[in-house]
Amino acid sequence: MPSPTSASAPPAHRLRLWWRRRGRGGAVGATFAVALLAAAVLLALSYYASVPVAPTPSSSSGSRPALVDLTLVRRAQEKGARESSPRFDPLSTIAAALQVVRALLQSSGFAFECAVAVNVICSVLGWERARVPSAERLRHWISELAHSVGGVQLFDSSTTYLISFVSAMYALFSTFGTGIHSQGGGWCQNLRSCASRQKSVLGSSLYMEHQVEFAGILSNDKPQNPDFYNWNKVKIRYCDGASFSGNVKDELQNGTKFFFRGQRIWEAVMSELLLKGLRHAKQAFLTGFSAGGLATYIHCDNFRAMLPKDSRVKCLADGGFFLDVEDISRQRTMRAFYSDVVRLQDLRGRFSHCDPNMDLGQCFFPSEVVKDIITPVFVLNPAYDAWQVQHVLAPEASDPQHSWLKCRLDISKCDSNQLEILQGFRKELHNAISELKHKRDWGFFIDSCFVHCQSMNSLTWHSPSSPRVNNKTIAEAVGDWFFDRREVKETDCEYPCNPTCYNLVFTKPFKA
């Protein structure tokens, strides 16, 4: 007759025997472990219940932009890409709890298995069409995460958040092509301004929205985005303050922890995407707006080098061609600002084009960065860039009498003298890109609008009221250029000649 302690005994009987043998101490430990697991599961379920469900993407022209979930990139910490605060991830917490429970119960001779069913909407665990993962896939993911915990302490905040602290937004619809978009958000030039960003969407994924709209060049609506609607799309969230270019090893700055490691964030995100299938892309497009546009210039050739040689790979920078010009007080405010950024994040060695005799800030301007770029780039910029008018041409410090206040907020309120200065600013942009006219595989679209970024807004990207140059919308011009349908080098006439312009009117200036 088999022993009651053998494998054939009913699980309930084995549990009672184990309970008696272990005594009160072992029972308390097991009870605590199970309670811990239950708490983690309840916490995860309450988290997902609080997250609004994204609507199913629609292809109708009147549909709202698709909402895309925030995805935290795993294993980024191995590259040193960390933010100041970890973001809570419920599945990681469950995984860590499973690790502890498994260890406790295995020590008693039990083979412990647990399947947790969590309804995760549009979780994308591979480079494939977004779908709700199967229970088996969830179990595999949880098992993989639990395995990653190893022997760490459960409440060690530097290790329990297994899906790491770098974030991206995924919208994966097909295999027609892949678009990677870098978010903008300015820069921080000293510890004080960087500290003010730490507890914001520009400093930590802890404060980022759970979902964002994919519109404009990221839209999956064919009427709004005719050439790229059916592509895989990724939006890389911005949180390093230096256009994904810093790589400072030291975490302490004057006794405070800062992670100036934008380069490592870039590398971690790219590594994740390459593993998910980006390495097989036949067509790939790196885009970005504002500070993300500058990041596009900085990383364009590196992006090209990651992909197959026979792939079509190009880049687009929207509102990212910041000018090295004097402001209205004859100071180079933007150069001084960039010098502080370069010095703070130790970027001098980052740019091979940088002459030792050049001012530190000059190295960071697109007019210098583009000199070494080999990959085809499309420059999308308004001639009267609203952000640059407010912070490069007429920053607040250069206008103590506030004579430019109305003009900075609304170009239609500029007087004749101010318009003359704005026309000079437009000429500076045209001069800066003049060398690009000789690069046959490069393209540009310079309209005469008072706006900043135009590729992420369906109204300006492609709509009946979109700005046009030579009767082409921005989306049409970019599509023609990317697919080599024609050479695209569009420049607009002087303000106020273009009636199709979408000119912004502000109640207060852009944040610096």
Protein backbone atom coordinates (compact mmCIF):
# COMPACT_ATOMS: atom_id res chain seq x y z
CA MET A 1 0.00 0.00 0.00
CA PRO A 2 1.51 3.34 -0.98
CA SER A 3 2.69 5.60 1.75
CA PRO A 4 0.43 8.58 2.43
CA THR A 5 3.46 10.78 1.95
CA SER A 6 4.06 9.53 -1.57
CA ALA A 7 3.30 11.49 -4.74
CA SER A 8 0.07 9.51 -5.21
CA ALA A 9 -1.50 10.89 -2.01
CA PRO A 10 -4.18 13.53 -2.46
CA PRO A 11 -2.78 17.10 -2.36
CA ALA A 12 -5.01 18.00 0.60
CA HIS A 13 -3.63 15.07 2.64
CA ARG A 14 -0.03 16.00 1.73
CA LEU A 15 -0.71 19.57 2.83
CA ARG A 16 -2.02 18.45 6.23
CA LEU A 17 1.03 16.23 6.78
CA TRP A 18 3.37 19.02 5.78
CA TRP A 19 1.56 21.44 8.11
CA ARG A 20 2.04 19.09 11.08
CA ARG A 21 5.72 18.47 10.34
CA ARG A 22 6.65 22.10 9.84
CA GLY A 23 4.95 23.29 12.95
CA ARG A 24 3.71 26.77 13.64
CA GLY A 25 6.77 28.61 12.20
CA GLY A 26 6.57 26.95 8.79
CA ALA A 27 2.83 27.41 8.64
CA VAL A 28 3.13 31.12 9.39
CA GLY A 29 5.74 31.48 6.66
CA ALA A 30 3.59 29.72 4.08
CA THR A 31 0.52 31.70 5.10
CA PHE A 32 2.46 34.94 4.76
CA ALA A 33 3.71 33.94 1.30
CA VAL A 34 0.23 33.08 0.05
CA ALA A 35 -1.16 36.32 1.51
CA LEU A 36 1.60 38.24 -0.22
CA LEU A 37 0.73 36.64 -3.54
CA ALA A 38 -2.97 37.35 -3.06
CA ALA A 39 -2.23 41.00 -2.27
CA ALA A 40 -0.09 41.33 -5.40
CA VAL A 41 -2.85 39.83 -7.56
CA LEU A 42 -5.50 42.12 -6.06
CA LEU A 43 -3.23 45.13 -6.52
CA ALA A 44 -2.65 44.20 -10.15
CA LEU A 45 -6.35 43.71 -10.82
CA SER A 46 -7.23 47.05 -9.24
CA TYR A 47 -4.52 48.72 -11.33
CA TYR A 48 -5.86 47.36 -14.60
CA ALA A 49 -9.43 48.16 -13.58
CA SER A 50 -8.39 51.81 -13.18
CA VAL A 51 -6.84 52.06 -16.65
CA PRO A 52 -9.29 53.12 -19.36
CA VAL A 53 -9.66 50.64 -22.20
CA ALA A 54 -8.42 51.89 -25.55
CA PRO A 55 -11.02 51.93 -28.30
CA THR A 56 -10.53 49.65 -31.27
CA PRO A 57 -8.66 51.59 -34.00
CA SER A 58 -10.94 52.62 -36.82
CA SER A 59 -10.08 53.43 -40.38
CA SER A 60 -12.89 55.89 -40.91
CA SER A 61 -11.83 59.46 -41.57
CA GLY A 62 -14.07 60.78 -38.80
CA SER A 63 -12.63 58.52 -36.10
CA ARG A 64 -10.75 59.71 -33.07
CA PRO A 65 -7.00 58.96 -32.98
CA ALA A 66 -6.10 55.53 -31.62
CA LEU A 67 -5.14 55.41 -27.95
CA VAL A 68 -1.92 53.49 -27.41
CA ASP A 69 -0.74 52.04 -24.09
CA LEU A 70 2.50 52.91 -22.36
CA THR A 71 5.00 50.04 -22.55
CA LEU A 72 7.99 49.82 -20.24
CA VAL A 73 11.12 48.44 -21.87
CA ARG A 74 12.58 45.43 -20.11
CA ARG A 75 16.25 44.90 -19.29
CA ALA A 76 17.10 48.54 -19.99
CA GLN A 77 18.77 48.71 -16.61
CA GLU A 78 21.48 46.37 -17.89
CA LYS A 79 22.61 49.23 -20.13
CA GLY A 80 22.47 51.70 -17.26
CA ALA A 81 19.36 53.42 -18.63
CA ARG A 82 17.50 54.40 -15.50
CA GLU A 83 15.29 57.22 -14.34
CA SER A 84 15.11 58.80 -10.94
CA SER A 85 12.00 56.84 -9.90
CA PRO A 86 10.78 53.34 -10.77
CA ARG A 87 7.31 52.92 -12.21
CA PHE A 88 5.03 50.38 -10.59
CA ASP A 89 4.36 47.42 -12.83
CA PRO A 90 1.76 44.99 -11.44
CA LEU A 91 2.87 41.93 -13.42
CA SER A 92 6.40 42.45 -12.17
CA THR A 93 5.10 42.56 -8.61
CA ILE A 94 3.18 39.32 -9.19
CA ALA A 95 6.32 37.77 -10.65
CA ALA A 96 8.40 38.74 -7.65
CA ALA A 97 5.72 37.42 -5.29
CA LEU A 98 5.64 34.15 -7.23
CA GLN A 99 9.40 33.88 -6.82
CA VAL A 100 9.13 34.17 -3.04
CA VAL A 101 6.15 31.80 -2.77
CA ARG A 102 7.80 29.28 -5.09
CA ALA A 103 10.99 29.31 -3.04
CA LEU A 104 9.14 28.86 0.25
CA LEU A 105 6.89 26.05 -0.94
CA GLN A 106 9.57 24.24 -2.93
CA SER A 107 11.66 24.10 0.22
CA SER A 108 8.84 22.01 1.73
CA GLY A 109 8.81 19.53 -1.15
CA PHE A 110 5.82 20.91 -3.06
CA ALA A 111 5.93 21.59 -6.79
CA PHE A 112 4.13 24.95 -6.84
CA GLU A 113 2.53 26.25 -10.00
CA CYS A 114 0.24 29.23 -10.38
CA ALA A 115 -1.59 30.62 -13.40
CA VAL A 116 -2.80 34.20 -13.08
CA ALA A 117 -5.44 35.34 -15.55
CA VAL A 118 -5.29 39.12 -16.05
CA ASN A 119 -7.26 40.81 -18.81
CA VAL A 120 -4.65 43.06 -20.43
CA ILE A 121 -5.99 45.01 -23.39
CA CYS A 122 -3.66 45.23 -26.40
CA SER A 123 -0.52 44.03 -24.58
CA VAL A 124 2.05 43.50 -27.28
CA LEU A 125 4.62 40.92 -26.33
CA GLY A 126 6.06 40.41 -29.81
CA TRP A 127 6.51 42.28 -33.07
CA GLU A 128 3.09 41.37 -34.37
CA ARG A 129 -0.45 42.66 -34.69
CA ALA A 130 -1.72 44.01 -31.35
CA ARG A 131 -4.06 41.57 -29.62
CA VAL A 132 -5.08 40.40 -26.20
CA PRO A 133 -2.54 37.74 -25.18
CA SER A 134 -3.70 34.24 -24.39
CA ALA A 135 -3.61 32.91 -20.85
CA GLU A 136 -0.69 30.68 -21.85
CA ARG A 137 1.21 33.70 -23.13
CA LEU A 138 0.56 35.57 -19.90
CA ARG A 139 1.77 32.57 -17.89
CA HIS A 140 4.91 32.43 -20.03
CA TRP A 141 5.55 36.16 -19.53
CA ILE A 142 5.00 35.94 -15.77
CA SER A 143 7.28 32.91 -15.62
CA GLU A 144 9.94 34.75 -17.58
CA LEU A 145 9.71 37.74 -15.27
CA ALA A 146 9.84 35.55 -12.16
CA HIS A 147 12.92 33.84 -13.53
CA SER A 148 14.52 37.25 -14.01
CA VAL A 149 14.17 38.07 -10.33
CA GLY A 150 16.78 35.51 -9.36
CA GLY A 151 17.71 35.82 -5.73
CA VAL A 152 17.04 39.51 -5.21
CA GLN A 153 15.16 40.97 -2.28
CA LEU A 154 11.49 41.54 -3.10
CA PHE A 155 11.41 45.10 -1.85
CA ASP A 156 14.72 46.27 -3.28
CA SER A 157 13.37 49.16 -5.38
CA SER A 158 16.27 48.99 -7.81
CA THR A 159 15.52 45.43 -8.85
CA THR A 160 11.87 44.48 -8.39
CA TYR A 161 10.55 46.50 -11.32
CA LEU A 162 11.52 43.99 -13.96
CA ILE A 163 10.02 45.81 -16.91
CA SER A 164 12.48 48.63 -16.72
CA PHE A 165 12.10 52.35 -16.38
CA VAL A 166 12.50 53.39 -20.02
CA SER A 167 9.23 53.75 -21.89
CA ALA A 168 7.85 53.63 -25.41
CA MET A 169 4.44 53.64 -27.06
CA TYR A 170 3.60 50.77 -29.40
CA ALA A 171 1.00 50.69 -32.19
CA LEU A 172 1.63 47.58 -34.24
CA PHE A 173 -0.74 47.02 -37.11
CA SER A 174 1.09 45.37 -40.02
CA THR A 175 4.42 44.71 -41.68
CA PHE A 176 4.31 47.35 -44.42
CA GLY A 177 6.97 49.41 -42.68
CA THR A 178 8.18 50.63 -39.31
CA GLY A 179 8.10 54.18 -38.01
CA ILE A 180 10.02 55.20 -34.87
CA HIS A 181 9.10 58.61 -33.45
CA SER A 182 11.10 60.53 -30.81
CA GLN A 183 9.05 62.76 -28.56
CA GLY A 184 10.13 66.36 -27.87
CA GLY A 185 10.09 68.40 -24.69
CA GLY A 186 12.98 70.87 -24.57
CA TRP A 187 16.15 70.47 -22.52
CA CYS A 188 17.44 71.24 -19.03
CA GLN A 189 20.69 73.16 -18.76
CA ASN A 190 21.46 73.04 -15.02
CA LEU A 191 20.72 70.90 -11.97
CA ARG A 192 17.90 73.16 -10.85
CA SER A 193 16.01 72.96 -14.13
CA CYS A 194 16.69 69.21 -14.39
CA ALA A 195 15.39 68.69 -10.85
CA SER A 196 12.17 70.47 -11.79
CA ARG A 197 11.65 67.89 -14.56
CA GLN A 198 12.32 64.82 -12.41
CA LYS A 199 8.76 64.63 -11.11
CA SER A 200 7.08 65.23 -14.45
CA VAL A 201 6.36 63.40 -17.70
CA LEU A 202 9.70 64.71 -18.97
CA GLY A 203 11.68 63.18 -16.12
CA SER A 204 10.20 59.82 -15.19
CA SER A 205 7.81 57.22 -16.57
CA LEU A 206 6.22 57.27 -13.11
CA TYR A 207 4.38 60.44 -14.17
CA MET A 208 3.63 59.59 -17.80
CA GLU A 209 0.10 59.08 -19.10
CA HIS A 210 -0.98 55.47 -19.39
CA GLN A 211 -2.25 56.12 -22.91
CA VAL A 212 -1.62 58.72 -25.62
CA GLU A 213 -3.20 59.43 -28.97
CA PHE A 214 -1.41 58.43 -32.14
CA ALA A 215 -2.27 61.14 -34.66
CA GLY A 216 -0.67 62.74 -37.70
CA ILE A 217 2.21 60.66 -39.02
CA LEU A 218 1.40 58.01 -36.35
CA SER A 219 -2.28 57.76 -37.28
CA ASN A 220 -3.72 54.45 -38.49
CA ASP A 221 -6.43 56.32 -40.42
CA LYS A 222 -5.73 56.20 -44.15
CA PRO A 223 -7.47 59.50 -45.03
CA GLN A 224 -5.38 61.28 -42.37
CA ASN A 225 -2.12 59.45 -43.05
CA PRO A 226 -2.23 58.05 -46.61
CA ASP A 227 1.32 56.66 -46.88
CA PHE A 228 2.07 55.37 -43.38
CA TYR A 229 -1.32 54.45 -41.86
CA ASN A 230 -0.65 50.68 -42.04
CA TRP A 231 2.87 50.73 -40.63
CA ASN A 232 4.16 49.50 -37.29
CA LYS A 233 4.68 52.61 -35.17
CA VAL A 234 6.59 53.33 -31.97
CA LYS A 235 6.71 56.59 -30.03
CA ILE A 236 9.73 56.86 -27.74
CA ARG A 237 8.95 58.92 -24.65
CA TYR A 238 11.44 61.64 -23.77
CA CYS A 239 12.86 61.95 -20.27
CA ASP A 240 16.60 62.66 -20.36
CA GLY A 241 16.73 66.42 -21.06
CA ALA A 242 19.38 66.26 -23.79
CA SER A 243 17.78 64.72 -26.91
CA PHE A 244 18.84 61.16 -25.99
CA SER A 245 22.55 62.02 -26.13
CA GLY A 246 23.97 62.04 -22.58
CA ASN A 247 26.08 59.22 -21.17
CA VAL A 248 27.29 60.33 -17.75
CA LYS A 249 28.52 57.46 -15.59
CA ASP A 250 28.39 59.34 -12.29
CA GLU A 251 24.89 59.32 -10.80
CA LEU A 252 25.55 61.93 -8.10
CA GLN A 253 25.57 65.62 -8.99
CA ASN A 254 26.14 67.85 -5.94
CA GLY A 255 24.78 65.10 -3.72
CA THR A 256 21.60 64.53 -5.75
CA LYS A 257 20.97 61.58 -8.05
CA PHE A 258 20.57 62.40 -11.72
CA PHE A 259 20.72 59.97 -14.61
CA PHE A 260 22.08 61.86 -17.60
CA ARG A 261 22.01 58.76 -19.82
CA GLY A 262 19.89 59.54 -22.84
CA GLN A 263 22.29 57.64 -25.10
CA ARG A 264 21.75 54.50 -23.04
CA ILE A 265 17.98 55.02 -23.16
CA TRP A 266 18.21 55.19 -26.95
CA GLU A 267 20.32 52.02 -27.06
CA ALA A 268 17.98 50.16 -24.67
CA VAL A 269 14.89 51.04 -26.69
CA MET A 270 16.54 50.12 -29.98
CA SER A 271 17.76 46.81 -28.57
CA GLU A 272 14.24 45.96 -27.48
CA LEU A 273 12.75 46.88 -30.85
CA LEU A 274 15.39 45.00 -32.80
CA LEU A 275 14.56 41.87 -30.79
CA LYS A 276 10.88 42.36 -31.52
CA GLY A 277 11.54 42.30 -35.26
CA LEU A 278 12.81 45.74 -36.26
CA ARG A 279 16.00 44.06 -37.48
CA HIS A 280 13.95 42.51 -40.31
CA ALA A 281 12.35 45.78 -41.44
CA LYS A 282 12.39 46.39 -45.20
CA GLN A 283 11.34 50.01 -44.70
CA ALA A 284 12.04 52.13 -41.64
CA PHE A 285 11.49 55.79 -40.85
CA LEU A 286 13.00 57.58 -37.84
CA THR A 287 11.10 60.76 -37.05
CA GLY A 288 10.92 63.22 -34.17
CA PHE A 289 9.62 66.64 -33.26
CA SER A 290 11.25 69.57 -31.44
CA ALA A 291 13.92 68.16 -29.08
CA GLY A 292 13.04 64.78 -30.59
CA GLY A 293 13.76 66.32 -34.00
CA LEU A 294 17.25 67.19 -32.81
CA ALA A 295 17.52 63.60 -31.53
CA THR A 296 16.62 62.44 -35.04
CA TYR A 297 19.55 64.36 -36.51
CA ILE A 298 21.86 63.00 -33.80
CA HIS A 299 20.86 59.33 -34.16
CA CYS A 300 19.91 59.07 -37.83
CA ASP A 301 23.07 57.35 -39.08
CA ASN A 302 23.17 55.05 -36.05
CA PHE A 303 19.57 54.02 -36.79
CA ARG A 304 20.51 53.29 -40.39
CA ALA A 305 23.48 51.15 -39.29
CA MET A 306 21.23 48.89 -37.18
CA LEU A 307 19.12 47.77 -40.14
CA PRO A 308 19.75 45.58 -43.21
CA LYS A 309 21.72 47.27 -45.98
CA ASP A 310 18.98 46.60 -48.53
CA SER A 311 16.29 48.27 -46.40
CA ARG A 312 14.87 51.68 -47.25
CA VAL A 313 15.80 53.78 -44.21
CA LYS A 314 15.27 57.51 -43.90
CA CYS A 315 14.78 60.16 -41.21
CA LEU A 316 12.54 63.18 -40.66
CA ALA A 317 13.05 66.01 -38.17
CA ASP A 318 9.97 68.14 -37.46
CA GLY A 319 10.52 71.55 -35.89
CA GLY A 320 14.00 70.47 -34.85
CA PHE A 321 16.23 72.79 -36.89
CA PHE A 322 17.11 75.20 -34.10
CA LEU A 323 19.11 78.23 -35.24
CA ASP A 324 22.32 79.67 -33.86
CA VAL A 325 21.37 83.34 -34.23
CA GLU A 326 21.50 86.53 -32.20
CA ASP A 327 18.37 87.49 -30.31
CA ILE A 328 16.80 90.98 -30.41
CA SER A 329 19.28 92.17 -27.74
CA ARG A 330 22.24 91.00 -29.89
CA GLN A 331 22.99 88.05 -27.56
CA ARG A 332 23.30 84.42 -28.58
CA THR A 333 20.93 83.16 -25.93
CA MET A 334 20.37 79.76 -27.51
CA ARG A 335 24.08 79.09 -27.92
CA ALA A 336 24.68 79.89 -24.25
CA PHE A 337 21.78 77.62 -23.31
CA TYR A 338 23.12 74.76 -25.42
CA SER A 339 26.60 75.28 -23.96
CA ASP A 340 25.17 74.66 -20.51
CA VAL A 341 23.41 71.49 -21.72
CA VAL A 342 26.58 70.17 -23.37
CA ARG A 343 28.67 70.95 -20.29
CA LEU A 344 26.17 69.47 -17.82
CA GLN A 345 25.76 66.19 -19.71
CA ASP A 346 29.37 66.02 -20.90
CA LEU A 347 28.52 65.91 -24.61
CA ARG A 348 31.71 67.41 -26.05
CA GLY A 349 33.08 64.00 -27.09
CA ARG A 350 29.69 62.89 -28.39
CA PHE A 351 29.96 64.87 -31.64
CA SER A 352 32.75 63.99 -34.04
CA HIS A 353 32.02 67.12 -36.10
CA CYS A 354 32.83 69.40 -33.16
CA ASP A 355 35.95 71.49 -33.72
CA PRO A 356 38.05 71.98 -30.55
CA ASN A 357 37.99 75.73 -31.18
CA MET A 358 34.21 75.90 -31.40
CA ASP A 359 32.05 77.08 -28.57
CA LEU A 360 30.53 74.13 -26.68
CA GLY A 361 26.99 75.08 -27.63
CA GLN A 362 27.70 75.21 -31.36
CA CYS A 363 28.22 71.45 -31.48
CA PHE A 364 24.60 70.84 -30.50
CA PHE A 365 22.98 72.85 -33.29
CA PRO A 366 21.49 70.92 -36.24
CA SER A 367 23.43 73.10 -38.70
CA GLU A 368 26.58 71.45 -37.35
CA VAL A 369 25.18 67.96 -36.71
CA VAL A 370 23.86 67.56 -40.29
CA LYS A 371 27.33 68.05 -41.79
CA ASP A 372 28.25 64.45 -40.98
CA ILE A 373 24.92 62.73 -41.69
CA ILE A 374 24.96 60.25 -44.59
CA THR A 375 21.42 58.87 -44.33
CA PRO A 376 18.71 60.79 -46.25
CA VAL A 377 16.90 63.28 -44.01
CA PHE A 378 13.75 65.34 -44.50
CA VAL A 379 13.75 68.76 -42.80
CA LEU A 380 10.24 69.87 -41.85
CA ASN A 381 10.27 73.34 -40.34
CA PRO A 382 8.14 76.48 -40.29
CA ALA A 383 10.06 79.60 -41.32
CA TYR A 384 8.54 81.41 -38.33
CA ASP A 385 8.92 78.66 -35.75
CA ALA A 386 6.79 79.82 -32.81
CA TRP A 387 9.01 78.18 -30.17
CA GLN A 388 12.13 79.73 -31.65
CA VAL A 389 10.54 83.16 -31.98
CA GLN A 390 9.70 83.01 -28.27
CA HIS A 391 12.96 81.49 -26.98
CA VAL A 392 15.67 82.02 -29.60
CA LEU A 393 14.85 85.28 -31.39
CA ALA A 394 12.94 87.16 -28.68
CA PRO A 395 13.41 85.40 -25.33
CA GLU A 396 11.86 87.10 -22.34
CA ALA A 397 15.21 88.24 -20.93
CA SER A 398 16.00 90.08 -24.19
CA ASP A 399 12.80 92.14 -23.98
CA PRO A 400 12.65 93.85 -20.56
CA GLN A 401 10.11 96.40 -21.86
CA HIS A 402 7.81 93.60 -23.14
CA SER A 403 7.52 95.31 -26.50
CA TRP A 404 7.56 91.89 -28.20
CA LEU A 405 4.95 90.27 -25.96
CA LYS A 406 2.01 90.51 -28.38
CA CYS A 407 4.15 89.56 -31.38
CA ARG A 408 5.53 86.52 -29.56
CA LEU A 409 2.00 85.27 -28.91
CA ASP A 410 0.36 86.13 -32.23
CA ILE A 411 2.26 86.84 -35.45
CA SER A 412 -0.65 88.95 -36.74
CA LYS A 413 0.04 91.40 -33.88
CA CYS A 414 3.65 92.07 -34.98
CA ASP A 415 4.40 95.62 -36.12
CA SER A 416 6.35 96.45 -39.28
CA ASN A 417 9.73 96.57 -37.51
CA GLN A 418 9.12 93.24 -35.83
CA LEU A 419 8.00 91.68 -39.12
CA GLU A 420 11.23 92.87 -40.71
CA ILE A 421 13.20 91.09 -37.98
CA LEU A 422 11.09 87.97 -38.49
CA GLN A 423 11.85 88.04 -42.21
CA GLY A 424 15.55 88.16 -41.31
CA PHE A 425 15.01 85.13 -39.08
CA ARG A 426 13.38 83.32 -42.01
CA LYS A 427 16.40 84.17 -44.17
CA GLU A 428 18.73 82.71 -41.52
CA LEU A 429 16.86 79.40 -41.76
CA HIS A 430 17.05 79.37 -45.56
CA ASN A 431 20.78 80.13 -45.39
CA ALA A 432 21.33 77.35 -42.87
CA ILE A 433 19.70 74.73 -45.08
CA SER A 434 21.16 76.06 -48.35
CA GLU A 435 23.82 73.32 -48.40
CA LEU A 436 21.09 70.69 -48.14
CA LYS A 437 19.71 71.76 -51.50
CA HIS A 438 22.68 70.06 -53.14
CA LYS A 439 21.98 66.72 -51.45
CA ARG A 440 19.71 65.07 -53.98
CA ASP A 441 18.38 62.39 -51.61
CA TRP A 442 17.51 64.91 -48.89
CA GLY A 443 14.23 66.79 -48.77
CA PHE A 444 12.62 69.71 -46.98
CA PHE A 445 9.33 71.47 -46.51
CA ILE A 446 9.67 75.04 -45.18
CA ASP A 447 6.28 76.71 -44.89
CA SER A 448 5.61 80.28 -43.74
CA CYS A 449 3.44 79.44 -40.76
CA PHE A 450 3.68 80.56 -37.13
CA VAL A 451 3.67 77.11 -35.57
CA HIS A 452 6.23 74.72 -34.10
CA CYS A 453 5.67 71.02 -34.87
CA GLN A 454 3.36 69.81 -37.62
CA SER A 455 3.76 66.05 -38.14
CA MET A 456 1.91 64.91 -34.99
CA ASN A 457 -1.26 66.90 -35.60
CA SER A 458 -3.74 65.56 -38.14
CA LEU A 459 -4.93 69.11 -38.88
CA THR A 460 -1.49 70.24 -40.03
CA TRP A 461 -0.23 66.87 -41.30
CA HIS A 462 -2.98 66.03 -43.78
CA SER A 463 -6.50 67.45 -43.81
CA PRO A 464 -8.63 69.75 -45.99
CA SER A 465 -7.35 72.71 -43.94
CA SER A 466 -3.66 71.65 -43.82
CA PRO A 467 -0.98 74.13 -44.86
CA ARG A 468 0.15 73.61 -48.44
CA VAL A 469 3.21 74.58 -50.42
CA ASN A 470 2.94 74.16 -54.19
CA ASN A 471 -0.47 72.63 -53.55
CA LYS A 472 0.98 69.76 -51.51
CA THR A 473 0.23 68.97 -47.87
CA ILE A 474 3.07 67.99 -45.57
CA ALA A 475 1.97 64.34 -45.64
CA GLU A 476 1.92 64.30 -49.44
CA ALA A 477 5.34 65.93 -49.68
CA VAL A 478 6.89 63.55 -47.13
CA GLY A 479 5.31 60.49 -48.78
CA ASP A 480 6.54 61.57 -52.22
CA TRP A 481 10.04 62.01 -50.85
CA PHE A 482 10.20 58.81 -48.78
CA PHE A 483 9.03 56.59 -51.65
CA ASP A 484 11.15 58.43 -54.24
CA ARG A 485 8.16 59.53 -56.28
CA ARG A 486 9.77 62.92 -56.84
CA GLU A 487 12.42 65.26 -55.48
CA VAL A 488 10.92 67.36 -52.69
CA LYS A 489 12.51 70.66 -51.75
CA GLU A 490 9.58 72.94 -50.98
CA THR A 491 10.07 76.51 -49.71
CA ASP A 492 7.25 78.95 -49.09
CA CYS A 493 6.98 82.66 -49.76
CA GLU A 494 7.21 85.29 -46.98
CA TYR A 495 4.51 85.76 -44.38
CA PRO A 496 1.63 86.55 -44.85
CA CYS A 497 1.48 85.17 -48.38
CA ASN A 498 0.18 81.65 -47.65
CA PRO A 499 -3.57 81.58 -46.86
CA THR A 500 -3.44 77.86 -45.99
CA CYS A 501 -1.16 78.41 -42.98
CA TYR A 502 -2.31 77.26 -39.58
CA ASN A 503 -0.92 80.02 -37.32
CA LEU A 504 -0.97 79.50 -33.58
CA VAL A 505 -2.31 82.13 -31.18
CA PHE A 506 -1.02 81.83 -27.61
CA THR A 507 -2.30 83.07 -24.29
CA LYS A 508 1.21 82.57 -22.90
CA PRO A 509 4.52 81.50 -24.51
CA PHE A 510 5.76 77.94 -24.88
CA LYS A 511 7.67 76.67 -21.89
CA ALA A 512 11.42 76.95 -22.41
